[in-house]
Amino acid sequence: MEKKIRIAAVGDNCMDVYDSTGEAFPGGNPVNVAVYVKRMNGDSSYTGVVGTDDYGKIMIEALKEKGVDISHVKILEGKTAVTHVELKNGDRILGDYEEGVMADFKLSEDDIDFLCGHDLVVTGIWGMIESELHKIKERGVPIAFDFADKLDHEITHKAIPYVDYAFFSCESKSDVELHEFMKYIKSKGPSVVVVTRGEKGSIAYDGNEFTKFGIIKCEVIDSMGAGDSYIAGFLMGIIEGKSIVECMEKGALSSSKTIGYYGAW
């Protein structure tokens, strides 16, 4: 039997609370990636921390229902992280973020052993593990990191030397500016640098060439999770040995499914 791809997602989780409707959906970058990997028939785990409140219970139950391995989710006394969200014409606008127990999230040596048993580890800018990445890197496990729109953040500079697949989001820069930025980031260590650009699609740089890919047209209901599902698709493609452009297509296809419904998943 063919061995399933196993991706470890680690770091932040939060409940996305839509203040206008009162609805709340489980989310957070690594959590979303873990769920989307399962959607593409991969195996995934999520390592992080939730609070003792109802949101913590909802997060754990929702992940369990999706088949994500939650054996390394810790429960700490306090509140689960919350992001307040507003929807305008299908575009999600992120408001206040209440960190809750995520402020106290730390990886144990046991967690690191667990993460290193996967094909790849994925985390993000608010994942709180940038100081631990070297331990995973030293053990030869590839690392993917979502830097979101933080092109010049302290955490970005700290994490980038240990990252194999670096993802950014930027819709404002010109192609020329982006190319320069991506060359700079590539020189700091990653194998591939990817920038998602909303309706303009995405661009990837592997040190040899820049590859562009557009979007897969669909009705936009809610853009929440679009970037995370792109990352999940791209990384599945990488582990499957696909070319860069095939990975980008897989990411775009995954993204087009996600934006067709409310909430990240």
Foldseek 3Di string as FASTA:
>chain_A
DDDAAEEEEFFAKAWEAAVVVRDTHTGDQSLLLQLLLVVVVHAYAYAAEAEPDPVRVVNVVVSVVSVHHDVRYYYDHKHHKYWYWYDDQQEIDTDDIDHMCSVVIDDDVVNLVVNLVGQAYEYEDRRPCLVPLVVSLVSPRAYEYEDEACLPDPSCVSRLLSHAEYEYEDQPDDPVVVVVSQLVSVVSHYQKYKYQHVQQAIWMDRPPDIDGDGADDDRFNHQAQLQSQLVSQLVVCVVVVHDNVNSSVRSRVSSRVQRVDPDRD
